[in-house]
Amino acid sequence: MDGLAVPIVWGIFILLVIILLASCLKIIPQAHAYVVERLGAYHVTWMAGTIKFKMPFIDRIAKVISLKEQVVVFDPQPVITKDNVTMQIDTIVFFQVTDPKLYTYGVERPIVAIENLTATTLRNIIGELELDHTLTSRDVINTKMRAVLDDASDPWGIKVNRVELKNIVPPREIQDAMEKQMKAERERRQAILHAEGEKGSQILVSEGQKAAQILQAEAQKQSAILRAEGVKEAKIREAEGEAEALLKVQKALADSIVMLNEAKPSDKILALKSLEAWGRIADGKATKLIIPSEMKTLASLASAAKEFITDVPEPCDKEKNPIVPPVKTVKIEQ
């Protein structure tokens, strides 16, 4: 038994040594860093992608740090605005560890430190703003907070990339007042839009009536022009017709005179024609008669006409005397 105990003990010892040495081999994964202490003091920082051996009982991995960007949501913090309104605001901080050594030894509990720094910075910024400006200036608040936190966290090996205000919760009475104000604002906008719509409708109706009146006036103008042109054309045609009729009458009269001259009428025929003309003149419509000086007396005219009538031959040949009118029997009282 004693002979077997010694090899077993040595085997167990060797196994323990192997296990110990294996536990001292470290492979650092991606986006991580190991902070190593030797004899209680900072020794080295192991970065990702390497295999390291830790001295047993001498070296100690003080902290394993993630180099990824981290997100921390902080509980709502009571803050007071410039116009003395208390509200609850919760924030979200995006940060990344840039120096594992400073992150390990720079501050105790870095997340708590960032939370407290965020709360105090938020109170300082909101205290300079009024309620309405606070609700509408999230980007301004985020930018200011990120700048302050980034500067303050540099000694801790932390890079603050972004700060966001998640919720801004004013008191219940402020919310009721804001809802009433929003409702009144919407009603005012509705009334303005309704008034603008009515105004636009009336303008369109007026413009339509104006356009209709203009078109009606233009139509009446064109109609009057066409009527005037029609009357003008009718008068022109009527005048042309009258002128043509007068020309034809004058031509007929001239032709008759020419034919009469060619027929060489006697004095008796001329006297008879004169008597007929005087008969037409004295048809009861004329009020005054002017007797030519060549006619000495009406009696001589009448006797000449009587003599002509008594001396009228039988109906003559039309070919020899075509212009002699048919003979009428005239009774003349002396």
C-alpha atoms as a PDB file:
ATOM      1  CA  MET A   1       0.000   0.000   0.000  1.00  0.00           C
ATOM      2  CA  ASP A   2       2.809   2.357   0.853  1.00  0.00           C
ATOM      3  CA  GLY A   3       4.398   1.716  -2.506  1.00  0.00           C
ATOM      4  CA  LEU A   4       1.173   2.629  -4.350  1.00  0.00           C
ATOM      5  CA  ALA A   5       0.466   5.753  -2.259  1.00  0.00           C
ATOM      6  CA  VAL A   6       3.517   7.590  -3.431  1.00  0.00           C
ATOM      7  CA  PRO A   7       2.718   7.434  -7.176  1.00  0.00           C
ATOM      8  CA  ILE A   8      -0.905   8.349  -6.514  1.00  0.00           C
ATOM      9  CA  VAL A   9       0.185  11.388  -4.543  1.00  0.00           C
ATOM     10  CA  TRP A  10       2.584  12.413  -7.237  1.00  0.00           C
ATOM     11  CA  GLY A  11      -0.084  11.913  -9.884  1.00  0.00           C
ATOM     12  CA  ILE A  12      -2.543  14.068  -7.977  1.00  0.00           C
ATOM     13  CA  PHE A  13       0.140  16.700  -7.504  1.00  0.00           C
ATOM     14  CA  ILE A  14       1.005  16.744 -11.190  1.00  0.00           C
ATOM     15  CA  LEU A  15      -2.681  16.931 -12.089  1.00  0.00           C
ATOM     16  CA  LEU A  16      -3.167  19.885  -9.804  1.00  0.00           C
ATOM     17  CA  VAL A  17      -0.141  21.623 -11.292  1.00  0.00           C
ATOM     18  CA  ILE A  18      -1.504  21.070 -14.766  1.00  0.00           C
ATOM     19  CA  ILE A  19      -4.904  22.424 -13.756  1.00  0.00           C
ATOM     20  CA  LEU A  20      -3.272  25.431 -12.137  1.00  0.00           C
ATOM     21  CA  LEU A  21      -1.111  26.185 -15.154  1.00  0.00           C
ATOM     22  CA  ALA A  22      -4.095  25.790 -17.473  1.00  0.00           C
ATOM     23  CA  SER A  23      -6.093  28.215 -15.373  1.00  0.00           C
ATOM     24  CA  CYS A  24      -3.314  30.751 -15.679  1.00  0.00           C
ATOM     25  CA  LEU A  25      -3.530  30.761 -19.478  1.00  0.00           C
ATOM     26  CA  LYS A  26      -5.907  33.483 -20.631  1.00  0.00           C
ATOM     27  CA  ILE A  27      -7.261  34.205 -24.140  1.00  0.00           C
ATOM     28  CA  ILE A  28      -8.611  37.735 -24.346  1.00  0.00           C
ATOM     29  CA  PRO A  29     -11.766  37.863 -26.514  1.00  0.00           C
ATOM     30  CA  GLN A  30     -12.744  40.623 -28.941  1.00  0.00           C
ATOM     31  CA  ALA A  31     -13.780  44.013 -27.510  1.00  0.00           C
ATOM     32  CA  HIS A  32     -12.560  43.163 -24.037  1.00  0.00           C
ATOM     33  CA  ALA A  33      -9.591  44.126 -21.884  1.00  0.00           C
ATOM     34  CA  TYR A  34      -8.113  42.536 -18.752  1.00  0.00           C
ATOM     35  CA  VAL A  35      -6.558  44.704 -16.042  1.00  0.00           C
ATOM     36  CA  VAL A  36      -3.834  42.628 -14.290  1.00  0.00           C
ATOM     37  CA  GLU A  37      -2.407  43.328 -10.844  1.00  0.00           C
ATOM     38  CA  ARG A  38       0.827  41.892  -9.530  1.00  0.00           C
ATOM     39  CA  LEU A  39       1.248  41.727  -5.799  1.00  0.00           C
ATOM     40  CA  GLY A  40      -1.760  44.039  -5.416  1.00  0.00           C
ATOM     41  CA  ALA A  41      -0.543  46.790  -7.743  1.00  0.00           C
ATOM     42  CA  TYR A  42      -1.427  47.539 -11.318  1.00  0.00           C
ATOM     43  CA  HIS A  43       0.844  45.558 -13.620  1.00  0.00           C
ATOM     44  CA  VAL A  44      -0.471  45.483 -17.214  1.00  0.00           C
ATOM     45  CA  THR A  45      -3.565  45.638 -19.426  1.00  0.00           C
ATOM     46  CA  TRP A  46      -4.187  42.712 -21.719  1.00  0.00           C
ATOM     47  CA  MET A  47      -5.979  43.627 -24.942  1.00  0.00           C
ATOM     48  CA  ALA A  48      -8.080  41.441 -27.237  1.00  0.00           C
ATOM     49  CA  GLY A  49      -6.607  38.867 -29.606  1.00  0.00           C
ATOM     50  CA  THR A  50      -3.750  37.611 -27.419  1.00  0.00           C
ATOM     51  CA  ILE A  51      -2.902  34.618 -25.179  1.00  0.00           C
ATOM     52  CA  LYS A  52      -1.476  35.579 -21.807  1.00  0.00           C
ATOM     53  CA  PHE A  53      -0.063  33.638 -18.914  1.00  0.00           C
ATOM     54  CA  LYS A  54      -0.790  34.786 -15.401  1.00  0.00           C
ATOM     55  CA  MET A  55       1.743  34.027 -12.716  1.00  0.00           C
ATOM     56  CA  PRO A  56       0.080  31.831 -10.120  1.00  0.00           C
ATOM     57  CA  PHE A  57      -0.425  33.379  -6.712  1.00  0.00           C
ATOM     58  CA  ILE A  58       1.358  36.566  -7.846  1.00  0.00           C
ATOM     59  CA  ASP A  59      -0.743  38.046 -10.673  1.00  0.00           C
ATOM     60  CA  ARG A  60      -4.478  38.719 -10.366  1.00  0.00           C
ATOM     61  CA  ILE A  61      -6.996  39.833 -12.957  1.00  0.00           C
ATOM     62  CA  ALA A  62      -8.445  42.846 -11.215  1.00  0.00           C
ATOM     63  CA  LYS A  63     -11.208  43.593 -13.743  1.00  0.00           C
ATOM     64  CA  VAL A  64     -12.542  42.406 -17.072  1.00  0.00           C
ATOM     65  CA  ILE A  65     -13.782  45.432 -19.029  1.00  0.00           C
ATOM     66  CA  SER A  66     -15.998  45.511 -22.109  1.00  0.00           C
ATOM     67  CA  LEU A  67     -14.849  47.998 -24.724  1.00  0.00           C
ATOM     68  CA  LYS A  68     -18.214  48.026 -26.483  1.00  0.00           C
ATOM     69  CA  GLU A  69     -20.470  51.083 -26.382  1.00  0.00           C
ATOM     70  CA  GLN A  70     -22.766  50.723 -23.402  1.00  0.00           C
ATOM     71  CA  VAL A  71     -26.230  52.100 -22.738  1.00  0.00           C
ATOM     72  CA  VAL A  72     -27.393  53.081 -19.272  1.00  0.00           C
ATOM     73  CA  VAL A  73     -30.949  54.205 -18.471  1.00  0.00           C
ATOM     74  CA  PHE A  74     -31.207  56.328 -15.335  1.00  0.00           C
ATOM     75  CA  ASP A  75     -34.322  56.686 -13.228  1.00  0.00           C
ATOM     76  CA  PRO A  76     -36.410  59.890 -13.469  1.00  0.00           C
ATOM     77  CA  GLN A  77     -34.887  62.823 -11.639  1.00  0.00           C
ATOM     78  CA  PRO A  78     -36.905  65.718 -10.177  1.00  0.00           C
ATOM     79  CA  VAL A  79     -35.792  69.023 -11.671  1.00  0.00           C
ATOM     80  CA  ILE A  80     -37.111  72.576 -11.305  1.00  0.00           C
ATOM     81  CA  THR A  81     -37.389  74.975 -14.224  1.00  0.00           C
ATOM     82  CA  LYS A  82     -36.683  78.685 -14.182  1.00  0.00           C
ATOM     83  CA  ASP A  83     -40.390  79.449 -13.701  1.00  0.00           C
ATOM     84  CA  ASN A  84     -40.556  77.108 -10.664  1.00  0.00           C
ATOM     85  CA  VAL A  85     -42.223  74.106 -12.268  1.00  0.00           C
ATOM     86  CA  THR A  86     -41.110  70.725 -10.941  1.00  0.00           C
ATOM     87  CA  MET A  87     -40.978  67.889 -13.458  1.00  0.00           C
ATOM     88  CA  GLN A  88     -39.582  64.384 -13.716  1.00  0.00           C
ATOM     89  CA  ILE A  89     -36.948  63.669 -16.402  1.00  0.00           C
ATOM     90  CA  ASP A  90     -35.233  60.362 -17.111  1.00  0.00           C
ATOM     91  CA  THR A  91     -32.117  60.151 -19.257  1.00  0.00           C
ATOM     92  CA  ILE A  92     -30.222  57.655 -21.379  1.00  0.00           C
ATOM     93  CA  VAL A  93     -26.430  57.800 -21.608  1.00  0.00           C
ATOM     94  CA  PHE A  94     -24.365  56.094 -24.331  1.00  0.00           C
ATOM     95  CA  PHE A  95     -20.731  55.722 -23.274  1.00  0.00           C
ATOM     96  CA  GLN A  96     -17.635  53.684 -24.093  1.00  0.00           C
ATOM     97  CA  VAL A  97     -14.539  52.783 -22.072  1.00  0.00           C
ATOM     98  CA  THR A  98     -11.438  54.160 -23.740  1.00  0.00           C
ATOM     99  CA  ASP A  99      -8.838  53.540 -20.986  1.00  0.00           C
ATOM    100  CA  PRO A 100      -9.316  50.346 -18.931  1.00  0.00           C
ATOM    101  CA  LYS A 101      -6.754  51.404 -16.328  1.00  0.00           C
ATOM    102  CA  LEU A 102      -8.457  54.741 -15.605  1.00  0.00           C
ATOM    103  CA  TYR A 103     -11.865  53.070 -15.674  1.00  0.00           C
ATOM    104  CA  THR A 104     -10.653  50.597 -13.050  1.00  0.00           C
ATOM    105  CA  TYR A 105      -8.767  52.944 -10.769  1.00  0.00           C
ATOM    106  CA  GLY A 106     -10.102  56.399 -11.662  1.00  0.00           C
ATOM    107  CA  VAL A 107     -13.399  56.309  -9.791  1.00  0.00           C
ATOM    108  CA  GLU A 108     -15.273  53.945  -7.556  1.00  0.00           C
ATOM    109  CA  ARG A 109     -18.402  52.592  -9.271  1.00  0.00           C
ATOM    110  CA  PRO A 110     -18.206  54.575 -12.532  1.00  0.00           C
ATOM    111  CA  ILE A 111     -21.889  54.008 -13.488  1.00  0.00           C
ATOM    112  CA  VAL A 112     -23.085  55.536 -10.222  1.00  0.00           C
ATOM    113  CA  ALA A 113     -20.704  58.428 -10.748  1.00  0.00           C
ATOM    114  CA  ILE A 114     -22.076  59.033 -14.245  1.00  0.00           C
ATOM    115  CA  GLU A 115     -25.647  58.837 -12.932  1.00  0.00           C
ATOM    116  CA  ASN A 116     -25.023  61.432 -10.231  1.00  0.00           C
ATOM    117  CA  LEU A 117     -23.122  63.651 -12.642  1.00  0.00           C
ATOM    118  CA  THR A 118     -26.008  63.387 -15.112  1.00  0.00           C
ATOM    119  CA  ALA A 119     -28.563  64.369 -12.457  1.00  0.00           C
ATOM    120  CA  THR A 120     -26.628  67.435 -11.299  1.00  0.00           C
ATOM    121  CA  THR A 121     -25.862  68.564 -14.846  1.00  0.00           C
ATOM    122  CA  LEU A 122     -29.506  68.151 -15.825  1.00  0.00           C
ATOM    123  CA  ARG A 123     -30.661  70.251 -12.870  1.00  0.00           C
ATOM    124  CA  ASN A 124     -28.206  73.008 -13.752  1.00  0.00           C
ATOM    125  CA  ILE A 125     -29.312  73.144 -17.396  1.00  0.00           C
ATOM    126  CA  ILE A 126     -33.071  72.917 -16.725  1.00  0.00           C
ATOM    127  CA  GLY A 127     -32.801  75.557 -14.004  1.00  0.00           C
ATOM    128  CA  GLU A 128     -31.848  78.091 -16.676  1.00  0.00           C
ATOM    129  CA  LEU A 129     -34.858  77.295 -18.909  1.00  0.00           C
ATOM    130  CA  GLU A 130     -38.557  77.952 -18.617  1.00  0.00           C
ATOM    131  CA  LEU A 131     -41.167  75.230 -19.008  1.00  0.00           C
ATOM    132  CA  ASP A 132     -42.094  75.905 -22.637  1.00  0.00           C
ATOM    133  CA  HIS A 133     -38.451  76.207 -23.639  1.00  0.00           C
ATOM    134  CA  THR A 134     -37.639  72.973 -21.821  1.00  0.00           C
ATOM    135  CA  LEU A 135     -40.303  71.037 -23.691  1.00  0.00           C
ATOM    136  CA  THR A 136     -39.130  72.327 -27.073  1.00  0.00           C
ATOM    137  CA  SER A 137     -35.337  72.305 -26.560  1.00  0.00           C
ATOM    138  CA  ARG A 138     -34.400  68.669 -26.175  1.00  0.00           C
ATOM    139  CA  ASP A 139     -31.586  68.888 -28.694  1.00  0.00           C
ATOM    140  CA  VAL A 140     -30.050  71.848 -26.891  1.00  0.00           C
ATOM    141  CA  ILE A 141     -30.255  70.067 -23.529  1.00  0.00           C
ATOM    142  CA  ASN A 142     -28.800  66.855 -24.970  1.00  0.00           C
ATOM    143  CA  THR A 143     -25.854  68.696 -26.525  1.00  0.00           C
ATOM    144  CA  LYS A 144     -25.021  70.601 -23.348  1.00  0.00           C
ATOM    145  CA  MET A 145     -25.245  67.493 -21.180  1.00  0.00           C
ATOM    146  CA  ARG A 146     -23.054  65.430 -23.510  1.00  0.00           C
ATOM    147  CA  ALA A 147     -20.358  68.132 -23.511  1.00  0.00           C
ATOM    148  CA  VAL A 148     -20.347  68.402 -19.705  1.00  0.00           C
ATOM    149  CA  LEU A 149     -20.380  64.635 -19.091  1.00  0.00           C
ATOM    150  CA  ASP A 150     -17.678  63.995 -21.680  1.00  0.00           C
ATOM    151  CA  ASP A 151     -15.319  66.509 -20.085  1.00  0.00           C
ATOM    152  CA  ALA A 152     -16.026  65.269 -16.559  1.00  0.00           C
ATOM    153  CA  SER A 153     -15.609  61.584 -17.419  1.00  0.00           C
ATOM    154  CA  ASP A 154     -12.235  61.888 -19.189  1.00  0.00           C
ATOM    155  CA  PRO A 155     -10.265  61.182 -15.965  1.00  0.00           C
ATOM    156  CA  TRP A 156     -12.342  58.002 -15.571  1.00  0.00           C
ATOM    157  CA  GLY A 157     -11.385  56.623 -18.988  1.00  0.00           C
ATOM    158  CA  ILE A 158     -14.927  57.014 -20.272  1.00  0.00           C
ATOM    159  CA  LYS A 159     -16.069  58.612 -23.525  1.00  0.00           C
ATOM    160  CA  VAL A 160     -19.681  59.846 -23.453  1.00  0.00           C
ATOM    161  CA  ASN A 161     -20.959  59.580 -27.018  1.00  0.00           C
ATOM    162  CA  ARG A 162     -24.553  60.648 -26.601  1.00  0.00           C
ATOM    163  CA  VAL A 163     -27.104  61.763 -24.022  1.00  0.00           C
ATOM    164  CA  GLU A 164     -30.863  61.660 -24.610  1.00  0.00           C
ATOM    165  CA  LEU A 165     -33.823  62.818 -22.562  1.00  0.00           C
ATOM    166  CA  LYS A 166     -36.206  59.891 -22.592  1.00  0.00           C
ATOM    167  CA  ASN A 167     -39.276  61.366 -20.930  1.00  0.00           C
ATOM    168  CA  ILE A 168     -40.222  64.779 -19.605  1.00  0.00           C
ATOM    169  CA  VAL A 169     -43.181  64.493 -17.253  1.00  0.00           C
ATOM    170  CA  PRO A 170     -44.589  67.798 -15.908  1.00  0.00           C
ATOM    171  CA  PRO A 171     -47.064  67.893 -12.990  1.00  0.00           C
ATOM    172  CA  ARG A 172     -50.676  66.802 -13.555  1.00  0.00           C
ATOM    173  CA  GLU A 173     -52.071  70.330 -13.357  1.00  0.00           C
ATOM    174  CA  ILE A 174     -49.489  71.530 -15.858  1.00  0.00           C
ATOM    175  CA  GLN A 175     -50.475  68.698 -18.199  1.00  0.00           C
ATOM    176  CA  ASP A 176     -54.156  69.659 -17.888  1.00  0.00           C
ATOM    177  CA  ALA A 177     -53.314  73.287 -18.615  1.00  0.00           C
ATOM    178  CA  MET A 178     -51.192  72.260 -21.586  1.00  0.00           C
ATOM    179  CA  GLU A 179     -53.996  70.079 -22.937  1.00  0.00           C
ATOM    180  CA  LYS A 180     -56.457  72.949 -22.610  1.00  0.00           C
ATOM    181  CA  GLN A 181     -53.986  75.291 -24.289  1.00  0.00           C
ATOM    182  CA  MET A 182     -53.438  72.771 -27.074  1.00  0.00           C
ATOM    183  CA  LYS A 183     -57.202  72.380 -27.511  1.00  0.00           C
ATOM    184  CA  ALA A 184     -57.678  76.149 -27.636  1.00  0.00           C
ATOM    185  CA  GLU A 185     -54.832  76.458 -30.130  1.00  0.00           C
ATOM    186  CA  ARG A 186     -56.365  73.781 -32.340  1.00  0.00           C
ATOM    187  CA  GLU A 187     -59.779  75.463 -32.155  1.00  0.00           C
ATOM    188  CA  ARG A 188     -58.146  78.775 -33.068  1.00  0.00           C
ATOM    189  CA  ARG A 189     -56.396  77.184 -36.038  1.00  0.00           C
ATOM    190  CA  GLN A 190     -59.652  75.548 -37.065  1.00  0.00           C
ATOM    191  CA  ALA A 191     -61.441  78.898 -36.909  1.00  0.00           C
ATOM    192  CA  ILE A 192     -58.655  80.544 -38.913  1.00  0.00           C
ATOM    193  CA  LEU A 193     -58.751  77.813 -41.539  1.00  0.00           C
ATOM    194  CA  HIS A 194     -62.542  78.054 -41.709  1.00  0.00           C
ATOM    195  CA  ALA A 195     -62.368  81.839 -42.086  1.00  0.00           C
ATOM    196  CA  GLU A 196     -59.684  81.550 -44.747  1.00  0.00           C
ATOM    197  CA  GLY A 197     -61.825  78.986 -46.549  1.00  0.00           C
ATOM    198  CA  GLU A 198     -64.857  81.268 -46.445  1.00  0.00           C
ATOM    199  CA  LYS A 199     -62.707  84.156 -47.636  1.00  0.00           C
ATOM    200  CA  GLY A 200     -61.310  82.111 -50.494  1.00  0.00           C
ATOM    201  CA  SER A 201     -64.799  80.912 -51.410  1.00  0.00           C
ATOM    202  CA  GLN A 202     -66.173  84.456 -51.492  1.00  0.00           C
ATOM    203  CA  ILE A 203     -63.191  85.623 -53.518  1.00  0.00           C
ATOM    204  CA  LEU A 204     -63.727  82.821 -56.014  1.00  0.00           C
ATOM    205  CA  VAL A 205     -67.451  83.576 -56.226  1.00  0.00           C
ATOM    206  CA  SER A 206     -66.742  87.287 -56.738  1.00  0.00           C
ATOM    207  CA  GLU A 207     -64.137  86.531 -59.376  1.00  0.00           C
ATOM    208  CA  GLY A 208     -66.583  84.186 -61.075  1.00  0.00           C
ATOM    209  CA  GLN A 209     -69.307  86.826 -61.074  1.00  0.00           C
ATOM    210  CA  LYS A 210     -66.835  89.402 -62.338  1.00  0.00           C
ATOM    211  CA  ALA A 211     -65.702  87.089 -65.114  1.00  0.00           C
ATOM    212  CA  ALA A 212     -69.337  86.326 -65.991  1.00  0.00           C
ATOM    213  CA  GLN A 213     -70.177  90.041 -66.147  1.00  0.00           C
ATOM    214  CA  ILE A 214     -67.112  90.692 -68.286  1.00  0.00           C
ATOM    215  CA  LEU A 215     -68.062  87.876 -70.635  1.00  0.00           C
ATOM    216  CA  GLN A 216     -71.661  89.101 -70.728  1.00  0.00           C
ATOM    217  CA  ALA A 217     -70.500  92.649 -71.494  1.00  0.00           C
ATOM    218  CA  GLU A 218     -68.202  91.315 -74.194  1.00  0.00           C
ATOM    219  CA  ALA A 219     -71.063  89.292 -75.634  1.00  0.00           C
ATOM    220  CA  GLN A 220     -73.351  92.331 -75.604  1.00  0.00           C
ATOM    221  CA  LYS A 221     -70.599  94.383 -77.200  1.00  0.00           C
ATOM    222  CA  GLN A 222     -70.057  91.806 -79.928  1.00  0.00           C
ATOM    223  CA  SER A 223     -73.796  91.515 -80.408  1.00  0.00           C
ATOM    224  CA  ALA A 224     -74.142  95.309 -80.702  1.00  0.00           C
ATOM    225  CA  ILE A 225     -71.228  95.403 -83.135  1.00  0.00           C
ATOM    226  CA  LEU A 226     -72.770  92.654 -85.229  1.00  0.00           C
ATOM    227  CA  ARG A 227     -76.165  94.382 -85.159  1.00  0.00           C
ATOM    228  CA  ALA A 228     -74.553  97.690 -86.154  1.00  0.00           C
ATOM    229  CA  GLU A 229     -72.638  95.972 -88.904  1.00  0.00           C
ATOM    230  CA  GLY A 230     -75.847  94.300 -90.026  1.00  0.00           C
ATOM    231  CA  VAL A 231     -77.729  97.607 -90.059  1.00  0.00           C
ATOM    232  CA  LYS A 232     -74.785  99.211 -91.841  1.00  0.00           C
ATOM    233  CA  GLU A 233     -74.702  96.448 -94.428  1.00  0.00           C
ATOM    234  CA  ALA A 234     -78.475  96.668 -94.891  1.00  0.00           C
ATOM    235  CA  LYS A 235     -78.339 100.428 -95.335  1.00  0.00           C
ATOM    236  CA  ILE A 236     -75.426 100.093 -97.725  1.00  0.00           C
ATOM    237  CA  ARG A 237     -77.307  97.515 -99.764  1.00  0.00           C
ATOM    238  CA  GLU A 238     -80.476  99.605 -99.589  1.00  0.00           C
ATOM    239  CA  ALA A 239     -78.560 102.710-100.716  1.00  0.00           C
ATOM    240  CA  GLU A 240     -76.895 100.719-103.450  1.00  0.00           C
ATOM    241  CA  GLY A 241     -80.315  99.420-104.531  1.00  0.00           C
ATOM    242  CA  GLU A 242     -81.802 102.912-104.510  1.00  0.00           C
ATOM    243  CA  ALA A 243     -78.792 104.245-106.394  1.00  0.00           C
ATOM    244  CA  GLU A 244     -79.097 101.448-108.919  1.00  0.00           C
ATOM    245  CA  ALA A 245     -82.854 102.095-109.246  1.00  0.00           C
ATOM    246  CA  LEU A 246     -82.229 105.825-109.726  1.00  0.00           C
ATOM    247  CA  LEU A 247     -79.590 105.035-112.305  1.00  0.00           C
ATOM    248  CA  LYS A 248     -81.982 102.789-114.123  1.00  0.00           C
ATOM    249  CA  VAL A 249     -84.743 105.406-113.928  1.00  0.00           C
ATOM    250  CA  GLN A 250     -82.398 108.112-115.153  1.00  0.00           C
ATOM    251  CA  LYS A 251     -81.137 105.830-117.861  1.00  0.00           C
ATOM    252  CA  ALA A 252     -84.690 105.023-118.893  1.00  0.00           C
ATOM    253  CA  LEU A 253     -85.511 108.737-118.846  1.00  0.00           C
ATOM    254  CA  ALA A 254     -82.424 109.521-120.881  1.00  0.00           C
ATOM    255  CA  ASP A 255     -83.264 106.750-123.300  1.00  0.00           C
ATOM    256  CA  SER A 256     -86.790 108.085-123.620  1.00  0.00           C
ATOM    257  CA  ILE A 257     -85.461 111.594-124.291  1.00  0.00           C
ATOM    258  CA  VAL A 258     -83.041 110.200-126.837  1.00  0.00           C
ATOM    259  CA  MET A 259     -85.832 108.274-128.512  1.00  0.00           C
ATOM    260  CA  LEU A 260     -88.081 111.352-128.316  1.00  0.00           C
ATOM    261  CA  ASN A 261     -85.403 113.472-129.949  1.00  0.00           C
ATOM    262  CA  GLU A 262     -84.873 110.869-132.598  1.00  0.00           C
ATOM    263  CA  ALA A 263     -88.629 110.840-133.302  1.00  0.00           C
ATOM    264  CA  LYS A 264     -88.621 114.640-133.799  1.00  0.00           C
ATOM    265  CA  PRO A 265     -91.999 115.363-132.171  1.00  0.00           C
ATOM    266  CA  SER A 266     -94.067 118.290-133.310  1.00  0.00           C
ATOM    267  CA  ASP A 267     -95.078 121.260-131.218  1.00  0.00           C
ATOM    268  CA  LYS A 268     -98.502 119.812-130.721  1.00  0.00           C
ATOM    269  CA  ILE A 269     -97.111 116.669-129.138  1.00  0.00           C
ATOM    270  CA  LEU A 270     -94.866 118.713-126.878  1.00  0.00           C
ATOM    271  CA  ALA A 271     -97.837 120.823-125.878  1.00  0.00           C
ATOM    272  CA  LEU A 272     -99.820 117.717-125.065  1.00  0.00           C
ATOM    273  CA  LYS A 273     -96.975 116.321-122.957  1.00  0.00           C
ATOM    274  CA  SER A 274     -96.765 119.617-121.102  1.00  0.00           C
ATOM    275  CA  LEU A 275    -100.465 119.500-120.411  1.00  0.00           C
ATOM    276  CA  GLU A 276    -100.155 115.982-119.005  1.00  0.00           C
ATOM    277  CA  ALA A 277     -97.280 117.085-116.827  1.00  0.00           C
ATOM    278  CA  TRP A 278     -99.325 120.008-115.523  1.00  0.00           C
ATOM    279  CA  GLY A 279    -102.131 117.623-114.820  1.00  0.00           C
ATOM    280  CA  ARG A 280     -99.875 115.474-112.701  1.00  0.00           C
ATOM    281  CA  ILE A 281     -98.522 118.518-110.903  1.00  0.00           C
ATOM    282  CA  ALA A 282    -101.948 119.883-110.152  1.00  0.00           C
ATOM    283  CA  ASP A 283    -103.315 116.651-108.694  1.00  0.00           C
ATOM    284  CA  GLY A 284    -104.536 118.394-105.571  1.00  0.00           C
ATOM    285  CA  LYS A 285    -101.368 117.925-103.509  1.00  0.00           C
ATOM    286  CA  ALA A 286     -99.464 120.991-104.672  1.00  0.00           C
ATOM    287  CA  THR A 287    -100.300 124.302-103.036  1.00  0.00           C
ATOM    288  CA  LYS A 288     -98.409 126.532-105.447  1.00  0.00           C
ATOM    289  CA  LEU A 289     -97.861 126.368-109.244  1.00  0.00           C
ATOM    290  CA  ILE A 290     -95.232 128.313-111.108  1.00  0.00           C
ATOM    291  CA  ILE A 291     -96.144 128.762-114.754  1.00  0.00           C
ATOM    292  CA  PRO A 292     -93.259 129.188-117.163  1.00  0.00           C
ATOM    293  CA  SER A 293     -92.993 132.451-119.006  1.00  0.00           C
ATOM    294  CA  GLU A 294     -93.184 130.695-122.352  1.00  0.00           C
ATOM    295  CA  MET A 295     -96.776 129.810-121.692  1.00  0.00           C
ATOM    296  CA  LYS A 296     -98.708 133.043-122.229  1.00  0.00           C
ATOM    297  CA  THR A 297    -102.086 131.734-121.177  1.00  0.00           C
ATOM    298  CA  LEU A 298    -103.653 128.520-120.179  1.00  0.00           C
ATOM    299  CA  ALA A 299    -106.214 129.082-122.868  1.00  0.00           C
ATOM    300  CA  SER A 300    -103.622 128.987-125.621  1.00  0.00           C
ATOM    301  CA  LEU A 301    -102.300 125.756-124.119  1.00  0.00           C
ATOM    302  CA  ALA A 302    -105.788 124.325-123.985  1.00  0.00           C
ATOM    303  CA  SER A 303    -106.600 125.369-127.550  1.00  0.00           C
ATOM    304  CA  ALA A 304    -103.348 123.861-128.725  1.00  0.00           C
ATOM    305  CA  ALA A 305    -104.163 120.653-127.018  1.00  0.00           C
ATOM    306  CA  LYS A 306    -107.672 120.668-128.489  1.00  0.00           C
ATOM    307  CA  GLU A 307    -106.313 121.274-131.951  1.00  0.00           C
ATOM    308  CA  PHE A 308    -103.851 118.495-131.522  1.00  0.00           C
ATOM    309  CA  ILE A 309    -106.528 116.117-130.394  1.00  0.00           C
ATOM    310  CA  THR A 310    -108.823 116.978-133.296  1.00  0.00           C
ATOM    311  CA  ASP A 311    -105.967 116.590-135.729  1.00  0.00           C
ATOM    312  CA  VAL A 312    -104.690 113.280-134.387  1.00  0.00           C
ATOM    313  CA  PRO A 313    -104.629 110.816-137.270  1.00  0.00           C
ATOM    314  CA  GLU A 314    -105.633 107.222-137.118  1.00  0.00           C
ATOM    315  CA  PRO A 315    -103.479 104.909-135.096  1.00  0.00           C
ATOM    316  CA  CYS A 316    -100.143 105.026-136.721  1.00  0.00           C
ATOM    317  CA  ASP A 317     -97.710 102.329-137.493  1.00  0.00           C
ATOM    318  CA  LYS A 318     -95.536 101.506-134.531  1.00  0.00           C
ATOM    319  CA  GLU A 319     -92.575 100.897-136.740  1.00  0.00           C
ATOM    320  CA  LYS A 320     -92.746 104.430-138.169  1.00  0.00           C
ATOM    321  CA  ASN A 321     -93.609 106.226-134.953  1.00  0.00           C
ATOM    322  CA  PRO A 322     -92.859 103.940-131.996  1.00  0.00           C
ATOM    323  CA  ILE A 323     -92.831 106.609-129.264  1.00  0.00           C
ATOM    324  CA  VAL A 324     -96.290 108.054-129.857  1.00  0.00           C
ATOM    325  CA  PRO A 325     -98.387 107.132-126.850  1.00  0.00           C
ATOM    326  CA  PRO A 326    -101.964 105.984-127.144  1.00  0.00           C
ATOM    327  CA  VAL A 327    -104.400 108.882-127.718  1.00  0.00           C
ATOM    328  CA  LYS A 328    -106.748 109.761-124.922  1.00  0.00           C
ATOM    329  CA  THR A 329    -109.850 111.921-125.345  1.00  0.00           C
ATOM    330  CA  VAL A 330    -109.506 114.928-123.096  1.00  0.00           C
ATOM    331  CA  LYS A 331    -112.326 117.289-122.415  1.00  0.00           C
ATOM    332  CA  ILE A 332    -111.207 120.820-121.769  1.00  0.00           C
ATOM    333  CA  GLU A 333    -113.524 123.419-120.459  1.00  0.00           C
ATOM    334  CA  GLN A 334    -112.767 126.913-121.634  1.00  0.00           C
END
